[in-house]
Amino acid sequence: MCRRIFAKSHNFDKITSNSLEGDNLQYIDDSLKGKRILITGGAGFIGSNLALYFQKHHKDAEVVVFDSFRNETRWDNGNLKSLGHFKNLLDFRGEVIVGDITNKEDLSRLEERKFDYIFHQAAISDTTVQNQEAVLRANVNAYKDLLDLCVRQHSSMIYASSAGVYGNTPAPNSINSGEIPENVYGFSKLMMDHLTFKYLKNFPFLNIVGLRYFNVYGENELYKGKTASMILQLALQALKFKKVRLFKMGEQKRDFVYIQDVIAANVKAMKAKKSGVYNVGSGKARSYNDILDCLKVDLGEFEVEYIENPYKFFQAHTEANIILTEKFLDYQPRFSLEVGIKNYLSQIKAIHNDNLWDEVIGNNA
């Protein structure tokens, strides 16, 4: 059985590698020779993309991945607690450290070497998790521990914040405005941002950049399972059933941002003109119906069933105000929704052809 699954998955793994190597841009004019880079959550969606970017474009940098990897433990909602997966790192040639950011003993291993840059992607990112204590320990307390490490080592910190801090406040979403989170995940990210400004005040020598990700999609998100983007899930529904289901009437809008733009924002943050917190999105809200239109260009026609939304909290409209991001990070999103989906579809088709979604969801059930 194992041989059969891995044989079927070979095409997906090949597509993953080719997709990640398809963008040949180096985002900063610095070889990073001799620099040591830590990526927490480096076996996850964004973290693995970062690790492979540095390996490709900054070959003389030392990249270390720190991740707990999945161990099949689950939240009360049935979703896996850890989303890191070794298959996201099949092409990675750097060092991997297995560790939990909430475990002081695991974190102590990071004291053994000096990191020039820390990309902190590890978090409880499942917005449906109701365990407030667990979310705040993993997202806020662990971030403070890593900031203390930055103080001791004079490391630069680039970390993942979230558009979840804005809750359901009116778009466009701007820093220092409408920061009213509706769930504990968004609250935890807002507390991280507050910690950032406290540390910048108390330790002026630090370089800290927080990136509020909007709706990120793209290669290497398969193993997020049910928390993967709706772009992936809708495309797979269309391929398998020739029918998709959307909450009525598909006009809710999100700022969908392609993974390569998110990687660009992270890398450009290394050379930020000013420390602080910045939005990372496309800067343009698009509806779920727009996603369907993009998919139909490549996949052809399929049926759409509009269903009632069962969730009390569901953002109706998000859109990143990226003026400050453009000014201080030199960030310019390059991928429209149409181009991002077109790029992504080769991997999505491989996932469908290898029946990997059913395998992942089956393991998450």
Protein backbone atom coordinates (compact mmCIF):
# COMPACT_ATOMS: atom_id res chain seq x y z
CA MET A 1 0.00 0.00 0.00
CA CYS A 2 2.79 2.46 0.91
CA ARG A 3 4.63 1.77 -2.34
CA ARG A 4 1.44 2.39 -4.31
CA ILE A 5 0.75 5.74 -2.56
CA PHE A 6 4.27 7.05 -3.08
CA ALA A 7 4.27 5.94 -6.69
CA LYS A 8 1.03 7.81 -7.25
CA SER A 9 2.42 10.86 -5.46
CA HIS A 10 5.59 11.04 -7.57
CA ASN A 11 3.92 13.22 -10.17
CA PHE A 12 2.71 15.62 -7.48
CA ASP A 13 6.19 15.87 -5.94
CA LYS A 14 7.67 16.63 -9.35
CA ILE A 15 5.08 19.32 -10.00
CA THR A 16 5.76 20.81 -6.56
CA SER A 17 9.46 21.16 -7.31
CA ASN A 18 8.90 22.59 -10.77
CA SER A 19 6.29 25.06 -9.54
CA LEU A 20 8.53 26.42 -6.81
CA GLU A 21 11.39 26.83 -9.26
CA GLY A 22 9.24 28.56 -11.83
CA ASP A 23 9.71 32.05 -10.39
CA ASN A 24 13.31 33.02 -11.09
CA LEU A 25 13.36 36.38 -9.34
CA GLN A 26 15.81 37.20 -6.58
CA TYR A 27 13.99 39.79 -4.51
CA ILE A 28 16.95 41.56 -2.88
CA ASP A 29 20.37 42.52 -4.18
CA ASP A 30 22.32 40.66 -1.51
CA SER A 31 23.85 37.20 -1.74
CA LEU A 32 23.39 36.73 2.04
CA LYS A 33 26.74 34.93 1.99
CA GLY A 34 27.65 33.74 5.45
CA LYS A 35 24.25 34.66 6.90
CA ARG A 36 22.35 32.19 9.05
CA ILE A 37 18.57 32.10 8.63
CA LEU A 38 16.07 30.37 10.93
CA ILE A 39 12.57 29.56 9.67
CA THR A 40 10.13 28.43 12.34
CA GLY A 41 7.22 26.47 10.90
CA GLY A 42 9.55 25.75 8.00
CA ALA A 43 7.77 22.53 7.01
CA GLY A 44 4.46 24.32 6.57
CA PHE A 45 2.96 26.16 3.62
CA ILE A 46 4.71 29.53 3.70
CA GLY A 47 7.75 28.37 5.65
CA SER A 48 8.69 25.66 3.15
CA ASN A 49 8.32 28.09 0.25
CA LEU A 50 10.69 30.45 2.05
CA ALA A 51 13.23 27.71 2.71
CA LEU A 52 13.26 26.66 -0.93
CA TYR A 53 13.47 30.27 -2.12
CA PHE A 54 16.62 30.90 -0.07
CA GLN A 55 18.14 27.61 -1.18
CA LYS A 56 17.63 28.54 -4.83
CA HIS A 57 18.52 32.23 -4.82
CA HIS A 58 20.91 32.63 -1.88
CA LYS A 59 23.01 29.49 -2.05
CA ASP A 60 25.70 30.82 0.30
CA ALA A 61 23.26 31.43 3.14
CA GLU A 62 22.77 28.80 5.85
CA VAL A 63 19.08 27.96 6.24
CA VAL A 64 17.74 26.11 9.29
CA VAL A 65 14.15 24.85 9.50
CA PHE A 66 12.54 24.47 12.92
CA ASP A 67 9.19 22.64 12.93
CA SER A 68 7.26 20.23 15.13
CA PHE A 69 5.99 18.30 12.08
CA ARG A 70 2.71 16.45 12.28
CA ASN A 71 2.19 13.81 14.93
CA GLU A 72 -1.52 13.03 14.39
CA THR A 73 -2.70 14.80 17.55
CA ARG A 74 -5.88 16.78 16.96
CA TRP A 75 -7.93 19.69 18.21
CA ASP A 76 -11.50 19.27 19.43
CA ASN A 77 -12.65 20.27 15.93
CA GLY A 78 -10.93 17.19 14.51
CA ASN A 79 -8.20 19.09 12.65
CA LEU A 80 -4.56 18.18 13.08
CA LYS A 81 -2.62 20.29 15.56
CA SER A 82 0.54 20.43 13.48
CA LEU A 83 0.45 21.00 9.72
CA GLY A 84 4.16 20.70 8.94
CA HIS A 85 4.86 17.88 6.50
CA PHE A 86 8.14 16.39 5.31
CA LYS A 87 6.92 16.27 1.72
CA ASN A 88 6.97 20.07 1.58
CA LEU A 89 10.74 19.85 2.07
CA LEU A 90 11.71 17.00 -0.26
CA ASP A 91 14.03 19.32 -2.21
CA PHE A 92 15.44 21.09 0.85
CA ARG A 93 19.13 20.50 1.55
CA GLY A 94 19.56 22.56 4.70
CA GLU A 95 19.33 21.59 8.35
CA VAL A 96 16.05 20.52 9.96
CA ILE A 97 15.43 20.74 13.70
CA VAL A 98 12.34 19.08 15.13
CA GLY A 99 10.96 21.18 17.92
CA ASP A 100 7.90 22.83 19.47
CA ILE A 101 7.98 26.61 19.88
CA THR A 102 6.11 26.27 23.19
CA ASN A 103 8.77 23.93 24.60
CA LYS A 104 11.57 25.80 26.39
CA GLU A 105 13.96 22.86 26.04
CA ASP A 106 13.41 22.77 22.27
CA LEU A 107 13.90 26.53 22.02
CA SER A 108 17.13 26.28 24.01
CA ARG A 109 18.69 24.43 21.08
CA LEU A 110 18.48 27.67 19.12
CA GLU A 111 20.81 29.35 21.62
CA GLU A 112 23.71 27.25 20.37
CA ARG A 113 24.18 29.37 17.26
CA LYS A 114 23.64 32.97 16.25
CA PHE A 115 20.94 33.64 13.69
CA ASP A 116 21.14 36.76 11.57
CA TYR A 117 17.48 36.50 10.54
CA ILE A 118 14.50 34.73 12.08
CA PHE A 119 11.42 34.15 9.93
CA HIS A 120 8.75 33.19 12.43
CA GLN A 121 5.95 31.32 10.62
CA ALA A 122 5.10 28.75 13.30
CA ALA A 123 1.71 29.27 14.91
CA ILE A 124 -1.67 27.79 15.59
CA SER A 125 -3.24 29.14 12.43
CA ASP A 126 -6.52 27.20 12.46
CA THR A 127 -9.07 29.97 13.01
CA THR A 128 -11.71 27.48 14.20
CA VAL A 129 -9.69 26.36 17.24
CA GLN A 130 -11.56 27.46 20.39
CA ASN A 131 -8.86 26.62 22.95
CA GLN A 132 -7.87 30.16 23.87
CA GLU A 133 -5.11 29.17 26.26
CA ALA A 134 -3.38 26.97 23.68
CA VAL A 135 -3.62 29.58 20.93
CA LEU A 136 -2.25 32.37 23.11
CA ARG A 137 0.56 30.24 24.50
CA ALA A 138 1.67 29.13 21.04
CA ASN A 139 1.20 32.43 19.24
CA VAL A 140 1.96 35.12 21.84
CA ASN A 141 4.15 33.58 24.54
CA ALA A 142 6.36 31.76 22.04
CA TYR A 143 6.75 34.91 19.97
CA LYS A 144 7.95 36.77 23.07
CA ASP A 145 10.49 34.01 23.71
CA LEU A 146 11.80 34.41 20.18
CA LEU A 147 11.94 38.20 20.54
CA ASP A 148 14.06 37.70 23.65
CA LEU A 149 16.34 35.47 21.56
CA CYS A 150 16.60 38.30 19.00
CA VAL A 151 17.62 40.70 21.77
CA ARG A 152 20.38 38.36 22.94
CA GLN A 153 21.63 37.56 19.45
CA HIS A 154 20.86 40.89 17.73
CA SER A 155 18.85 38.95 15.14
CA SER A 156 16.38 40.53 12.74
CA MET A 157 12.83 39.25 13.11
CA ILE A 158 10.28 38.88 10.30
CA TYR A 159 7.08 37.25 11.51
CA ALA A 160 3.64 36.24 10.31
CA SER A 161 0.79 38.39 11.52
CA SER A 162 -2.67 38.19 9.96
CA ALA A 163 -5.53 40.12 8.42
CA GLY A 164 -7.58 38.33 11.08
CA VAL A 165 -6.78 41.29 13.35
CA TYR A 166 -9.32 43.35 11.36
CA GLY A 167 -12.27 41.06 12.07
CA ASN A 168 -15.27 42.23 10.11
CA THR A 169 -14.45 45.94 10.07
CA PRO A 170 -14.95 47.81 6.78
CA ALA A 171 -12.40 47.47 3.99
CA PRO A 172 -9.94 48.63 2.82
CA ASN A 173 -8.02 47.45 5.88
CA SER A 174 -5.32 49.77 7.16
CA ILE A 175 -2.71 49.48 9.93
CA ASN A 176 -3.87 51.06 13.22
CA SER A 177 -7.49 51.18 12.08
CA GLY A 178 -10.40 48.78 12.60
CA GLU A 179 -8.32 46.29 14.58
CA ILE A 180 -11.20 44.40 16.19
CA PRO A 181 -10.57 40.64 15.85
CA GLU A 182 -13.54 38.27 16.01
CA ASN A 183 -11.70 35.11 17.09
CA VAL A 184 -8.83 34.18 19.38
CA TYR A 185 -6.49 33.62 16.44
CA GLY A 186 -6.93 37.21 15.25
CA PHE A 187 -6.59 38.43 18.83
CA SER A 188 -3.34 36.48 19.28
CA LYS A 189 -1.88 38.09 16.17
CA LEU A 190 -2.90 41.55 17.36
CA MET A 191 -1.17 40.87 20.68
CA MET A 192 1.95 39.85 18.75
CA ASP A 193 1.83 43.16 16.88
CA HIS A 194 1.51 45.05 20.17
CA LEU A 195 4.54 43.15 21.50
CA THR A 196 6.45 44.20 18.40
CA PHE A 197 5.97 47.89 19.10
CA LYS A 198 6.86 47.40 22.77
CA TYR A 199 10.15 45.70 21.87
CA LEU A 200 10.96 48.30 19.23
CA LYS A 201 10.55 50.99 21.89
CA ASN A 202 12.58 49.16 24.53
CA PHE A 203 15.29 47.87 22.16
CA PRO A 204 15.79 50.45 19.40
CA PHE A 205 18.60 48.42 17.81
CA LEU A 206 16.18 45.63 16.86
CA ASN A 207 14.83 45.17 13.35
CA ILE A 208 11.32 43.70 13.51
CA VAL A 209 8.81 43.44 10.68
CA GLY A 210 5.34 41.94 11.07
CA LEU A 211 3.47 40.90 7.94
CA ARG A 212 -0.31 40.76 8.07
CA TYR A 213 -1.08 38.10 5.52
CA PHE A 214 -4.42 38.27 3.77
CA ASN A 215 -5.80 35.18 1.95
CA VAL A 216 -2.68 33.35 0.81
CA TYR A 217 -2.92 30.55 -1.75
CA GLY A 218 -0.52 28.55 -3.86
CA GLU A 219 1.94 25.69 -3.99
CA ASN A 220 2.64 23.58 -0.88
CA GLU A 221 -0.67 24.19 0.90
CA LEU A 222 -2.06 20.69 0.29
CA TYR A 223 -1.15 19.42 3.75
CA LYS A 224 -3.12 22.20 5.43
CA GLY A 225 -6.10 19.98 4.64
CA LYS A 226 -9.44 21.58 5.50
CA THR A 227 -7.73 24.88 6.33
CA ALA A 228 -6.26 25.16 2.82
CA SER A 229 -7.41 28.02 0.57
CA MET A 230 -10.80 27.96 -1.10
CA ILE A 231 -8.97 28.29 -4.41
CA LEU A 232 -7.50 24.83 -3.94
CA GLN A 233 -10.71 23.36 -2.58
CA LEU A 234 -12.98 24.81 -5.27
CA ALA A 235 -10.64 23.72 -8.06
CA LEU A 236 -10.55 20.17 -6.71
CA GLN A 237 -14.35 20.10 -6.41
CA ALA A 238 -14.65 21.23 -10.03
CA LEU A 239 -12.18 18.60 -11.23
CA LYS A 240 -13.76 15.74 -9.29
CA PHE A 241 -17.48 16.51 -9.42
CA LYS A 242 -17.89 19.10 -12.19
CA LYS A 243 -19.73 20.97 -9.47
CA VAL A 244 -18.73 23.33 -6.65
CA ARG A 245 -20.52 24.60 -3.54
CA LEU A 246 -20.32 28.23 -2.41
CA PHE A 247 -21.94 30.26 0.34
CA LYS A 248 -24.76 32.39 -1.06
CA MET A 249 -24.27 34.13 -3.42
CA GLY A 250 -20.52 34.01 -3.89
CA GLU A 251 -20.15 37.79 -3.76
CA GLN A 252 -18.17 37.90 -0.51
CA LYS A 253 -14.82 39.50 -1.26
CA ARG A 254 -11.31 38.67 -0.12
CA ASP A 255 -7.85 39.94 -0.87
CA PHE A 256 -6.35 36.78 -2.37
CA VAL A 257 -2.56 36.90 -2.53
CA TYR A 258 -0.38 34.38 -4.36
CA ILE A 259 2.37 32.64 -2.42
CA GLN A 260 5.17 34.09 -4.55
CA ASP A 261 4.09 37.63 -3.62
CA VAL A 262 4.10 36.61 0.05
CA ILE A 263 7.63 35.25 -0.31
CA ALA A 264 8.69 38.51 -1.95
CA ALA A 265 7.27 40.50 0.97
CA ASN A 266 9.16 38.35 3.49
CA VAL A 267 12.46 38.66 1.67
CA LYS A 268 12.09 42.39 1.07
CA ALA A 269 11.36 42.80 4.78
CA MET A 270 15.00 41.86 5.40
CA LYS A 271 15.90 45.27 3.95
CA ALA A 272 12.94 47.21 5.36
CA LYS A 273 13.40 50.95 5.52
CA LYS A 274 11.47 51.00 8.77
CA SER A 275 10.52 48.39 11.36
CA GLY A 276 6.82 47.92 12.00
CA VAL A 277 3.73 46.01 10.91
CA TYR A 278 2.61 45.88 7.28
CA ASN A 279 -0.25 44.44 5.24
CA VAL A 280 0.59 41.80 2.65
CA GLY A 281 -2.07 41.29 0.02
CA SER A 282 -2.73 42.00 -3.62
CA GLY A 283 -4.32 45.32 -2.71
CA LYS A 284 -7.47 44.37 -4.61
CA ALA A 285 -10.50 42.49 -3.28
CA ARG A 286 -12.02 39.80 -5.48
CA SER A 287 -15.18 37.75 -5.03
CA TYR A 288 -15.50 33.99 -4.77
CA ASN A 289 -17.41 34.14 -8.04
CA ASP A 290 -14.27 35.67 -9.57
CA ILE A 291 -12.38 32.55 -8.53
CA LEU A 292 -14.91 30.41 -10.37
CA ASP A 293 -14.51 32.54 -13.50
CA CYS A 294 -10.74 32.08 -13.36
CA LEU A 295 -11.09 28.31 -12.93
CA LYS A 296 -13.51 28.00 -15.83
CA VAL A 297 -10.96 29.51 -18.22
CA ASP A 298 -8.81 26.41 -17.79
CA LEU A 299 -11.20 23.74 -16.50
CA GLY A 300 -14.27 24.52 -18.58
CA GLU A 301 -17.84 24.84 -17.33
CA PHE A 302 -19.07 23.29 -14.10
CA GLU A 303 -22.18 23.58 -11.96
CA VAL A 304 -22.35 25.97 -8.99
CA GLU A 305 -24.57 25.29 -5.98
CA TYR A 306 -25.05 28.19 -3.56
CA ILE A 307 -25.64 27.11 0.04
CA GLU A 308 -26.40 28.81 3.35
CA ASN A 309 -23.44 30.00 5.41
CA PRO A 310 -23.46 28.15 8.77
CA TYR A 311 -20.75 30.30 10.40
CA LYS A 312 -21.51 33.12 12.83
CA PHE A 313 -18.27 34.87 11.89
CA PHE A 314 -17.43 35.14 8.22
CA GLN A 315 -15.58 38.13 6.81
CA ALA A 316 -17.68 39.76 4.10
CA HIS A 317 -14.96 41.93 2.59
CA THR A 318 -11.20 42.20 3.10
CA GLU A 319 -8.80 44.32 1.11
CA ALA A 320 -5.25 45.21 2.08
CA ASN A 321 -4.18 48.83 2.09
CA ILE A 322 -0.58 48.28 0.97
CA ILE A 323 0.58 51.90 0.66
CA LEU A 324 2.93 51.57 3.65
CA THR A 325 4.14 48.17 2.47
CA GLU A 326 5.04 49.65 -0.90
CA LYS A 327 6.79 52.60 0.71
CA PHE A 328 8.86 50.89 3.39
CA LEU A 329 9.32 47.35 2.02
CA ASP A 330 9.44 48.18 -1.69
CA TYR A 331 6.70 45.58 -2.08
CA GLN A 332 4.82 45.37 -5.36
CA PRO A 333 2.41 42.45 -5.86
CA ARG A 334 3.11 40.88 -9.24
CA PHE A 335 0.43 38.21 -9.54
CA SER A 336 -3.20 38.97 -10.31
CA LEU A 337 -5.78 36.40 -9.27
CA GLU A 338 -5.96 35.24 -12.89
CA VAL A 339 -2.20 34.69 -13.20
CA GLY A 340 -1.79 33.16 -9.74
CA ILE A 341 -4.54 30.60 -10.32
CA LYS A 342 -3.20 29.78 -13.78
CA ASN A 343 0.26 29.12 -12.30
CA TYR A 344 -1.19 27.04 -9.47
CA LEU A 345 -3.44 24.82 -11.58
CA SER A 346 -0.64 22.53 -12.73
CA GLN A 347 -0.07 21.43 -9.14
CA ILE A 348 -3.79 21.29 -8.38
CA LYS A 349 -4.31 18.94 -11.33
CA ALA A 350 -1.49 16.72 -10.07
CA ILE A 351 -3.12 16.62 -6.62
CA HIS A 352 -6.40 15.59 -8.28
CA ASN A 353 -4.81 13.00 -10.57
CA ASP A 354 -2.97 11.36 -7.66
CA ASN A 355 -6.07 11.42 -5.40
CA LEU A 356 -3.98 13.15 -2.74
CA TRP A 357 -6.74 15.40 -1.44
CA ASP A 358 -8.87 12.42 -0.44
CA GLU A 359 -5.84 10.90 1.25
CA VAL A 360 -5.08 14.10 3.20
CA ILE A 361 -8.70 14.77 4.15
CA GLY A 362 -9.18 11.11 5.05
CA ASN A 363 -6.29 11.43 7.46
CA ASN A 364 -7.84 14.62 8.84
CA ALA A 365 -11.32 13.20 9.23
